[in-house]
């Protein structure tokens, strides 16, 4: 049951709208989203979001920040005590699994027209999430660890890593692995069998020096 508009305090309304937008995206993807629907889900008037977000892009940017913060939290659970190859494989697997769990969020976070990539919170959260992956991948390949200032000069191996990561996630979200997975449980079969095989092929353990 949604809260009535009178019951929200100022800060609570912002969080309620973010939650409402996230729920709509989870249920129907970006195609089923609108600012009006988010307001209705939160139980407020169609004009209420304007008090916190200048446009639909502002609200979706907040959802993207939520997405990347949660992704960063999951990535922080990866133990640095294991071999570097295992760390990269686990980070990549976390990203793909998260994308499959929240496909609507993935659609929003990486569509430039939908979010404000210059938003300070978005820049911080994306740096937190992908900084972990790129730092570990750079150590794996033995190349310079990138920073925001040097991102335009990423090593080709890191560019391939990023393309591999996004390709696996997007293909999995769109269920385009169906030709090689079980028809009875395609998602489960992909996660149990195909994903480990893919990350192992891209990031095998390196021989001991």
C-alpha atoms as a PDB file:
ATOM      1  CA  UNK A   1       0.000   0.000   0.000  1.00  0.00           C
ATOM      2  CA  UNK A   2       1.449   3.390  -0.950  1.00  0.00           C
ATOM      3  CA  UNK A   3       1.766   6.220   1.536  1.00  0.00           C
ATOM      4  CA  UNK A   4      -0.485   9.214   1.126  1.00  0.00           C
ATOM      5  CA  UNK A   5       1.167  12.406  -0.043  1.00  0.00           C
ATOM      6  CA  UNK A   6       0.466  14.115   3.300  1.00  0.00           C
ATOM      7  CA  UNK A   7       2.447  11.500   5.249  1.00  0.00           C
ATOM      8  CA  UNK A   8       5.806  12.183   3.582  1.00  0.00           C
ATOM      9  CA  UNK A   9       8.455  14.361   5.127  1.00  0.00           C
ATOM     10  CA  UNK A  10      10.643  16.268   2.664  1.00  0.00           C
ATOM     11  CA  UNK A  11      13.527  13.783   2.623  1.00  0.00           C
ATOM     12  CA  UNK A  12      11.249  10.758   2.628  1.00  0.00           C
ATOM     13  CA  UNK A  13       9.559  11.802  -0.603  1.00  0.00           C
ATOM     14  CA  UNK A  14      12.825  11.725  -2.515  1.00  0.00           C
ATOM     15  CA  UNK A  15      13.578   8.193  -1.294  1.00  0.00           C
ATOM     16  CA  UNK A  16      10.009   7.084  -1.967  1.00  0.00           C
ATOM     17  CA  UNK A  17      10.225   8.284  -5.570  1.00  0.00           C
ATOM     18  CA  UNK A  18      13.538   6.499  -6.107  1.00  0.00           C
ATOM     19  CA  UNK A  19      12.059   3.302  -4.681  1.00  0.00           C
ATOM     20  CA  UNK A  20       8.953   3.666  -6.844  1.00  0.00           C
ATOM     21  CA  UNK A  21      11.039   4.200  -9.981  1.00  0.00           C
ATOM     22  CA  UNK A  22      13.208   1.204  -9.117  1.00  0.00           C
ATOM     23  CA  UNK A  23      10.148  -1.006  -8.623  1.00  0.00           C
ATOM     24  CA  UNK A  24       8.655   0.031 -11.973  1.00  0.00           C
ATOM     25  CA  UNK A  25      11.931  -0.643 -13.774  1.00  0.00           C
ATOM     26  CA  UNK A  26      12.216  -4.048 -12.119  1.00  0.00           C
ATOM     27  CA  UNK A  27       8.707  -4.998 -13.186  1.00  0.00           C
ATOM     28  CA  UNK A  28       8.628  -3.675 -16.742  1.00  0.00           C
ATOM     29  CA  UNK A  29      11.984  -2.255 -17.760  1.00  0.00           C
ATOM     30  CA  UNK A  30      12.506   1.219 -19.116  1.00  0.00           C
ATOM     31  CA  UNK A  31       9.689   0.774 -21.642  1.00  0.00           C
ATOM     32  CA  UNK A  32       7.170   0.704 -18.796  1.00  0.00           C
ATOM     33  CA  UNK A  33       8.567   3.720 -16.951  1.00  0.00           C
ATOM     34  CA  UNK A  34       7.285   7.265 -16.731  1.00  0.00           C
ATOM     35  CA  UNK A  35       7.557  10.050 -14.186  1.00  0.00           C
ATOM     36  CA  UNK A  36       3.792  10.010 -13.799  1.00  0.00           C
ATOM     37  CA  UNK A  37       3.835   6.288 -12.975  1.00  0.00           C
ATOM     38  CA  UNK A  38       6.574   6.813 -10.409  1.00  0.00           C
ATOM     39  CA  UNK A  39       4.573   9.567  -8.734  1.00  0.00           C
ATOM     40  CA  UNK A  40       1.457   7.391  -8.697  1.00  0.00           C
ATOM     41  CA  UNK A  41       3.375   4.452  -7.231  1.00  0.00           C
ATOM     42  CA  UNK A  42       4.719   6.719  -4.482  1.00  0.00           C
ATOM     43  CA  UNK A  43       1.193   8.023  -3.842  1.00  0.00           C
ATOM     44  CA  UNK A  44       1.885  11.656  -4.696  1.00  0.00           C
ATOM     45  CA  UNK A  45       0.683  14.116  -7.327  1.00  0.00           C
ATOM     46  CA  UNK A  46       2.274  14.088 -10.814  1.00  0.00           C
ATOM     47  CA  UNK A  47       3.971  17.401 -10.048  1.00  0.00           C
ATOM     48  CA  UNK A  48       5.570  16.252  -6.786  1.00  0.00           C
ATOM     49  CA  UNK A  49       8.787  14.818  -8.327  1.00  0.00           C
ATOM     50  CA  UNK A  50       9.727  18.314  -9.538  1.00  0.00           C
ATOM     51  CA  UNK A  51      10.478  19.290  -5.931  1.00  0.00           C
ATOM     52  CA  UNK A  52      13.404  16.850  -5.915  1.00  0.00           C
ATOM     53  CA  UNK A  53      14.201  16.073  -9.543  1.00  0.00           C
ATOM     54  CA  UNK A  54      14.228  18.610 -12.368  1.00  0.00           C
ATOM     55  CA  UNK A  55      13.255  15.964 -14.919  1.00  0.00           C
ATOM     56  CA  UNK A  56      12.813  12.260 -15.476  1.00  0.00           C
ATOM     57  CA  UNK A  57      16.571  12.136 -16.106  1.00  0.00           C
ATOM     58  CA  UNK A  58      17.194  13.361 -12.571  1.00  0.00           C
ATOM     59  CA  UNK A  59      15.114  10.574 -11.060  1.00  0.00           C
ATOM     60  CA  UNK A  60      16.671   7.915 -13.282  1.00  0.00           C
ATOM     61  CA  UNK A  61      20.143   9.226 -12.427  1.00  0.00           C
ATOM     62  CA  UNK A  62      19.302   8.675  -8.763  1.00  0.00           C
ATOM     63  CA  UNK A  63      18.306   5.088  -9.594  1.00  0.00           C
ATOM     64  CA  UNK A  64      21.624   4.647 -11.430  1.00  0.00           C
ATOM     65  CA  UNK A  65      23.494   5.895  -8.351  1.00  0.00           C
ATOM     66  CA  UNK A  66      21.578   3.400  -6.200  1.00  0.00           C
ATOM     67  CA  UNK A  67      22.495   0.665  -8.676  1.00  0.00           C
ATOM     68  CA  UNK A  68      26.192   1.437  -8.742  1.00  0.00           C
ATOM     69  CA  UNK A  69      26.427   1.846  -4.964  1.00  0.00           C
ATOM     70  CA  UNK A  70      24.876  -1.585  -4.443  1.00  0.00           C
ATOM     71  CA  UNK A  71      27.136  -3.085  -7.094  1.00  0.00           C
ATOM     72  CA  UNK A  72      30.191  -1.552  -5.415  1.00  0.00           C
ATOM     73  CA  UNK A  73      29.115  -3.000  -2.068  1.00  0.00           C
ATOM     74  CA  UNK A  74      28.867  -6.483  -3.573  1.00  0.00           C
ATOM     75  CA  UNK A  75      32.241  -6.146  -5.249  1.00  0.00           C
ATOM     76  CA  UNK A  76      33.858  -5.174  -1.948  1.00  0.00           C
ATOM     77  CA  UNK A  77      33.077  -8.648  -0.628  1.00  0.00           C
ATOM     78  CA  UNK A  78      35.644 -10.196  -3.002  1.00  0.00           C
ATOM     79  CA  UNK A  79      38.616 -11.431  -1.000  1.00  0.00           C
ATOM     80  CA  UNK A  80      42.007 -10.088  -2.022  1.00  0.00           C
ATOM     81  CA  UNK A  81      43.669 -13.116  -0.419  1.00  0.00           C
ATOM     82  CA  UNK A  82      42.846 -15.324  -3.422  1.00  0.00           C
ATOM     83  CA  UNK A  83      44.848 -15.380  -6.690  1.00  0.00           C
ATOM     84  CA  UNK A  84      44.437 -12.309  -8.882  1.00  0.00           C
ATOM     85  CA  UNK A  85      42.743 -14.299 -11.652  1.00  0.00           C
ATOM     86  CA  UNK A  86      40.139 -15.576  -9.234  1.00  0.00           C
ATOM     87  CA  UNK A  87      39.500 -12.024  -8.042  1.00  0.00           C
ATOM     88  CA  UNK A  88      38.818 -10.737 -11.565  1.00  0.00           C
ATOM     89  CA  UNK A  89      36.573 -13.711 -12.367  1.00  0.00           C
ATOM     90  CA  UNK A  90      34.570 -13.149  -9.188  1.00  0.00           C
ATOM     91  CA  UNK A  91      34.196  -9.411  -9.826  1.00  0.00           C
ATOM     92  CA  UNK A  92      33.015 -10.070 -13.381  1.00  0.00           C
ATOM     93  CA  UNK A  93      30.588 -12.739 -12.193  1.00  0.00           C
ATOM     94  CA  UNK A  94      29.144 -10.389  -9.577  1.00  0.00           C
ATOM     95  CA  UNK A  95      28.497  -7.795 -12.268  1.00  0.00           C
ATOM     96  CA  UNK A  96      26.747 -10.247 -14.590  1.00  0.00           C
ATOM     97  CA  UNK A  97      24.683 -11.767 -11.781  1.00  0.00           C
ATOM     98  CA  UNK A  98      23.645  -8.337 -10.550  1.00  0.00           C
ATOM     99  CA  UNK A  99      22.643  -7.312 -14.066  1.00  0.00           C
ATOM    100  CA  UNK A 100      20.473 -10.402 -14.415  1.00  0.00           C
ATOM    101  CA  UNK A 101      18.895  -9.745 -11.020  1.00  0.00           C
ATOM    102  CA  UNK A 102      18.087  -6.102 -11.873  1.00  0.00           C
ATOM    103  CA  UNK A 103      17.788  -5.848 -15.670  1.00  0.00           C
ATOM    104  CA  UNK A 104      15.761  -2.624 -15.511  1.00  0.00           C
ATOM    105  CA  UNK A 105      18.542  -0.914 -13.618  1.00  0.00           C
ATOM    106  CA  UNK A 106      21.057  -2.049 -16.216  1.00  0.00           C
ATOM    107  CA  UNK A 107      18.954  -0.544 -18.994  1.00  0.00           C
ATOM    108  CA  UNK A 108      18.963   2.818 -17.236  1.00  0.00           C
ATOM    109  CA  UNK A 109      22.546   2.974 -16.038  1.00  0.00           C
ATOM    110  CA  UNK A 110      24.145   2.588 -19.449  1.00  0.00           C
ATOM    111  CA  UNK A 111      21.813   4.541 -21.707  1.00  0.00           C
ATOM    112  CA  UNK A 112      23.316   7.994 -22.037  1.00  0.00           C
ATOM    113  CA  UNK A 113      20.081   9.705 -23.027  1.00  0.00           C
ATOM    114  CA  UNK A 114      18.393   8.658 -19.781  1.00  0.00           C
ATOM    115  CA  UNK A 115      20.814   9.851 -17.110  1.00  0.00           C
ATOM    116  CA  UNK A 116      23.129  12.731 -16.278  1.00  0.00           C
ATOM    117  CA  UNK A 117      26.626  11.282 -16.449  1.00  0.00           C
ATOM    118  CA  UNK A 118      28.091  14.556 -15.182  1.00  0.00           C
ATOM    119  CA  UNK A 119      26.117  14.354 -11.955  1.00  0.00           C
ATOM    120  CA  UNK A 120      28.675  14.299  -9.095  1.00  0.00           C
ATOM    121  CA  UNK A 121      26.972  11.405  -7.326  1.00  0.00           C
ATOM    122  CA  UNK A 122      26.837   9.363 -10.526  1.00  0.00           C
ATOM    123  CA  UNK A 123      30.531  10.008 -11.167  1.00  0.00           C
ATOM    124  CA  UNK A 124      31.388   8.988  -7.605  1.00  0.00           C
ATOM    125  CA  UNK A 125      29.310   5.815  -7.653  1.00  0.00           C
ATOM    126  CA  UNK A 126      30.516   4.690 -11.075  1.00  0.00           C
ATOM    127  CA  UNK A 127      34.095   5.273  -9.962  1.00  0.00           C
ATOM    128  CA  UNK A 128      33.515   3.186  -6.830  1.00  0.00           C
ATOM    129  CA  UNK A 129      31.981   0.269  -8.739  1.00  0.00           C
ATOM    130  CA  UNK A 130      34.158   0.115 -11.820  1.00  0.00           C
ATOM    131  CA  UNK A 131      37.262   1.325 -10.041  1.00  0.00           C
ATOM    132  CA  UNK A 132      37.376  -1.987  -8.196  1.00  0.00           C
ATOM    133  CA  UNK A 133      37.097  -3.988 -11.387  1.00  0.00           C
ATOM    134  CA  UNK A 134      39.596  -1.955 -13.407  1.00  0.00           C
ATOM    135  CA  UNK A 135      42.147  -1.807 -10.566  1.00  0.00           C
ATOM    136  CA  UNK A 136      42.060  -5.585 -10.184  1.00  0.00           C
ATOM    137  CA  UNK A 137      42.061  -6.197 -13.947  1.00  0.00           C
ATOM    138  CA  UNK A 138      45.052  -3.867 -14.375  1.00  0.00           C
ATOM    139  CA  UNK A 139      46.968  -5.842 -11.756  1.00  0.00           C
ATOM    140  CA  UNK A 140      45.981  -9.056 -13.526  1.00  0.00           C
ATOM    141  CA  UNK A 141      47.346  -7.820 -16.873  1.00  0.00           C
ATOM    142  CA  UNK A 142      50.342  -6.062 -15.335  1.00  0.00           C
ATOM    143  CA  UNK A 143      49.398  -2.676 -16.798  1.00  0.00           C
ATOM    144  CA  UNK A 144      48.997   0.791 -15.330  1.00  0.00           C
ATOM    145  CA  UNK A 145      46.019   1.159 -13.009  1.00  0.00           C
ATOM    146  CA  UNK A 146      43.718   3.729 -14.640  1.00  0.00           C
ATOM    147  CA  UNK A 147      42.340   6.852 -13.004  1.00  0.00           C
ATOM    148  CA  UNK A 148      39.497   9.114 -14.057  1.00  0.00           C
ATOM    149  CA  UNK A 149      42.065  11.440 -15.608  1.00  0.00           C
ATOM    150  CA  UNK A 150      43.649   8.646 -17.692  1.00  0.00           C
ATOM    151  CA  UNK A 151      40.453   6.771 -18.548  1.00  0.00           C
ATOM    152  CA  UNK A 152      40.636   7.901 -22.182  1.00  0.00           C
ATOM    153  CA  UNK A 153      43.959   6.053 -22.477  1.00  0.00           C
ATOM    154  CA  UNK A 154      42.857   2.669 -21.158  1.00  0.00           C
ATOM    155  CA  UNK A 155      45.119  -0.211 -22.082  1.00  0.00           C
ATOM    156  CA  UNK A 156      43.617  -2.366 -24.875  1.00  0.00           C
ATOM    157  CA  UNK A 157      43.372  -5.336 -22.518  1.00  0.00           C
ATOM    158  CA  UNK A 158      41.242  -3.297 -20.138  1.00  0.00           C
ATOM    159  CA  UNK A 159      39.040  -2.147 -22.997  1.00  0.00           C
ATOM    160  CA  UNK A 160      38.542  -5.793 -23.957  1.00  0.00           C
ATOM    161  CA  UNK A 161      37.745  -6.614 -20.340  1.00  0.00           C
ATOM    162  CA  UNK A 162      35.084  -3.909 -20.246  1.00  0.00           C
ATOM    163  CA  UNK A 163      33.601  -5.031 -23.558  1.00  0.00           C
ATOM    164  CA  UNK A 164      33.556  -8.633 -22.343  1.00  0.00           C
ATOM    165  CA  UNK A 165      31.877  -7.637 -19.095  1.00  0.00           C
ATOM    166  CA  UNK A 166      29.154  -5.599 -20.788  1.00  0.00           C
ATOM    167  CA  UNK A 167      28.666  -8.147 -23.547  1.00  0.00           C
ATOM    168  CA  UNK A 168      28.130 -11.011 -21.121  1.00  0.00           C
ATOM    169  CA  UNK A 169      25.707  -8.987 -19.030  1.00  0.00           C
ATOM    170  CA  UNK A 170      23.649  -7.595 -21.891  1.00  0.00           C
ATOM    171  CA  UNK A 171      23.450 -10.914 -23.699  1.00  0.00           C
ATOM    172  CA  UNK A 172      22.383 -12.659 -20.510  1.00  0.00           C
ATOM    173  CA  UNK A 173      19.752 -10.033 -19.700  1.00  0.00           C
ATOM    174  CA  UNK A 174      18.284 -10.341 -23.183  1.00  0.00           C
ATOM    175  CA  UNK A 175      18.234 -14.158 -22.842  1.00  0.00           C
ATOM    176  CA  UNK A 176      20.336 -14.534 -25.974  1.00  0.00           C
ATOM    177  CA  UNK A 177      22.158 -17.576 -24.605  1.00  0.00           C
ATOM    178  CA  UNK A 178      19.118 -19.773 -25.196  1.00  0.00           C
ATOM    179  CA  UNK A 179      20.715 -21.729 -28.006  1.00  0.00           C
ATOM    180  CA  UNK A 180      23.299 -23.216 -25.609  1.00  0.00           C
ATOM    181  CA  UNK A 181      21.455 -23.464 -22.287  1.00  0.00           C
ATOM    182  CA  UNK A 182      18.793 -25.736 -20.859  1.00  0.00           C
ATOM    183  CA  UNK A 183      15.265 -24.820 -21.922  1.00  0.00           C
ATOM    184  CA  UNK A 184      13.959 -25.961 -18.532  1.00  0.00           C
ATOM    185  CA  UNK A 185      16.100 -23.519 -16.538  1.00  0.00           C
ATOM    186  CA  UNK A 186      17.975 -21.202 -18.936  1.00  0.00           C
ATOM    187  CA  UNK A 187      19.013 -18.610 -16.375  1.00  0.00           C
ATOM    188  CA  UNK A 188      20.117 -21.155 -13.805  1.00  0.00           C
ATOM    189  CA  UNK A 189      22.045 -23.163 -16.389  1.00  0.00           C
ATOM    190  CA  UNK A 190      23.764 -20.023 -17.620  1.00  0.00           C
ATOM    191  CA  UNK A 191      24.839 -19.023 -14.103  1.00  0.00           C
ATOM    192  CA  UNK A 192      25.976 -22.510 -13.087  1.00  0.00           C
ATOM    193  CA  UNK A 193      27.683 -23.647 -16.271  1.00  0.00           C
ATOM    194  CA  UNK A 194      28.174 -20.981 -18.951  1.00  0.00           C
ATOM    195  CA  UNK A 195      29.230 -17.956 -16.886  1.00  0.00           C
ATOM    196  CA  UNK A 196      32.058 -19.788 -15.033  1.00  0.00           C
ATOM    197  CA  UNK A 197      33.298 -21.119 -18.387  1.00  0.00           C
ATOM    198  CA  UNK A 198      33.305 -17.639 -19.956  1.00  0.00           C
ATOM    199  CA  UNK A 199      35.138 -15.876 -17.131  1.00  0.00           C
ATOM    200  CA  UNK A 200      37.679 -18.699 -16.944  1.00  0.00           C
ATOM    201  CA  UNK A 201      38.355 -18.369 -20.680  1.00  0.00           C
ATOM    202  CA  UNK A 202      38.872 -14.605 -20.461  1.00  0.00           C
ATOM    203  CA  UNK A 203      40.779 -14.483 -17.159  1.00  0.00           C
ATOM    204  CA  UNK A 204      42.559 -17.814 -16.576  1.00  0.00           C
ATOM    205  CA  UNK A 205      44.933 -18.150 -13.651  1.00  0.00           C
ATOM    206  CA  UNK A 206      48.399 -16.892 -14.484  1.00  0.00           C
ATOM    207  CA  UNK A 207      51.387 -19.199 -14.073  1.00  0.00           C
ATOM    208  CA  UNK A 208      53.321 -18.681 -10.873  1.00  0.00           C
ATOM    209  CA  UNK A 209      56.351 -16.447 -11.416  1.00  0.00           C
END
